[in-house]
Amino acid sequence: MHQVDILDVVNDVAVIRITLENYFGADYVDFHALKKTEDGWKIMAKVFTGA
């Protein structure tokens, strides 16, 4: 199971949290920083941890 939460959006920058349960036998929480470009949203940075 997974869940995506939009934590904040300001102009052309966003931060999201992705929660993954039982992903290959483990649980994770990812945080992504995104930037909106002419081609759409692009991931600029990612950090994750086991949950």
C-alpha atoms as a PDB file:
ATOM      1  CA  MET A   1       0.000   0.000   0.000  1.00  0.00           C
ATOM      2  CA  HIS A   2       1.168   3.550  -0.630  1.00  0.00           C
ATOM      3  CA  GLN A   3      -0.004   7.067   0.130  1.00  0.00           C
ATOM      4  CA  VAL A   4       1.072  10.419  -1.312  1.00  0.00           C
ATOM      5  CA  ASP A   5       0.570  13.589   0.738  1.00  0.00           C
ATOM      6  CA  ILE A   6       1.203  17.085  -0.597  1.00  0.00           C
ATOM      7  CA  LEU A   7       2.837  18.899   2.316  1.00  0.00           C
ATOM      8  CA  ASP A   8       3.153  22.343   0.730  1.00  0.00           C
ATOM      9  CA  VAL A   9       3.147  24.154  -2.621  1.00  0.00           C
ATOM     10  CA  VAL A  10       4.515  27.658  -3.103  1.00  0.00           C
ATOM     11  CA  ASN A  11       4.534  29.027  -6.644  1.00  0.00           C
ATOM     12  CA  ASP A  12       6.663  26.545  -8.621  1.00  0.00           C
ATOM     13  CA  VAL A  13       8.051  24.510  -5.673  1.00  0.00           C
ATOM     14  CA  ALA A  14       6.390  21.645  -3.787  1.00  0.00           C
ATOM     15  CA  VAL A  15       7.218  19.133  -1.059  1.00  0.00           C
ATOM     16  CA  ILE A  16       5.486  15.743  -0.878  1.00  0.00           C
ATOM     17  CA  ARG A  17       5.612  12.742   1.432  1.00  0.00           C
ATOM     18  CA  ILE A  18       5.244   9.205   0.080  1.00  0.00           C
ATOM     19  CA  THR A  19       4.510   6.423   2.557  1.00  0.00           C
ATOM     20  CA  LEU A  20       5.184   2.881   1.340  1.00  0.00           C
ATOM     21  CA  GLU A  21       4.037  -0.113   3.376  1.00  0.00           C
ATOM     22  CA  ASN A  22       5.499  -3.579   2.820  1.00  0.00           C
ATOM     23  CA  TYR A  23       7.605  -2.462  -0.156  1.00  0.00           C
ATOM     24  CA  PHE A  24       9.759  -5.547  -0.766  1.00  0.00           C
ATOM     25  CA  GLY A  25       9.121  -6.496   2.853  1.00  0.00           C
ATOM     26  CA  ALA A  26       9.882  -3.131   4.468  1.00  0.00           C
ATOM     27  CA  ASP A  27       8.120   0.170   5.220  1.00  0.00           C
ATOM     28  CA  TYR A  28       9.521   3.515   4.015  1.00  0.00           C
ATOM     29  CA  VAL A  29       8.760   7.214   4.129  1.00  0.00           C
ATOM     30  CA  ASP A  30      10.117   9.346   1.266  1.00  0.00           C
ATOM     31  CA  PHE A  31      10.183  13.130   1.052  1.00  0.00           C
ATOM     32  CA  HIS A  32      10.520  14.719  -2.394  1.00  0.00           C
ATOM     33  CA  ALA A  33      11.195  18.348  -3.268  1.00  0.00           C
ATOM     34  CA  LEU A  34       9.759  19.197  -6.682  1.00  0.00           C
ATOM     35  CA  LYS A  35      10.175  22.114  -9.099  1.00  0.00           C
ATOM     36  CA  LYS A  36       7.642  22.929 -11.821  1.00  0.00           C
ATOM     37  CA  THR A  37       9.207  23.401 -15.261  1.00  0.00           C
ATOM     38  CA  GLU A  38       7.809  23.904 -18.741  1.00  0.00           C
ATOM     39  CA  ASP A  39       7.730  20.089 -19.035  1.00  0.00           C
ATOM     40  CA  GLY A  40       5.900  19.529 -15.733  1.00  0.00           C
ATOM     41  CA  TRP A  41       6.948  18.703 -12.172  1.00  0.00           C
ATOM     42  CA  LYS A  42      10.494  17.364 -11.707  1.00  0.00           C
ATOM     43  CA  ILE A  43      12.038  15.813  -8.584  1.00  0.00           C
ATOM     44  CA  MET A  44      14.925  18.002  -7.421  1.00  0.00           C
ATOM     45  CA  ALA A  45      15.785  16.186  -4.172  1.00  0.00           C
ATOM     46  CA  LYS A  46      14.753  13.041  -2.323  1.00  0.00           C
ATOM     47  CA  VAL A  47      15.399  11.699   1.160  1.00  0.00           C
ATOM     48  CA  PHE A  48      13.964   8.543   2.721  1.00  0.00           C
ATOM     49  CA  THR A  49      13.997   6.495   5.880  1.00  0.00           C
ATOM     50  CA  GLY A  50      12.660   3.194   7.115  1.00  0.00           C
ATOM     51  CA  ALA A  51       9.376   3.512   8.964  1.00  0.00           C
END
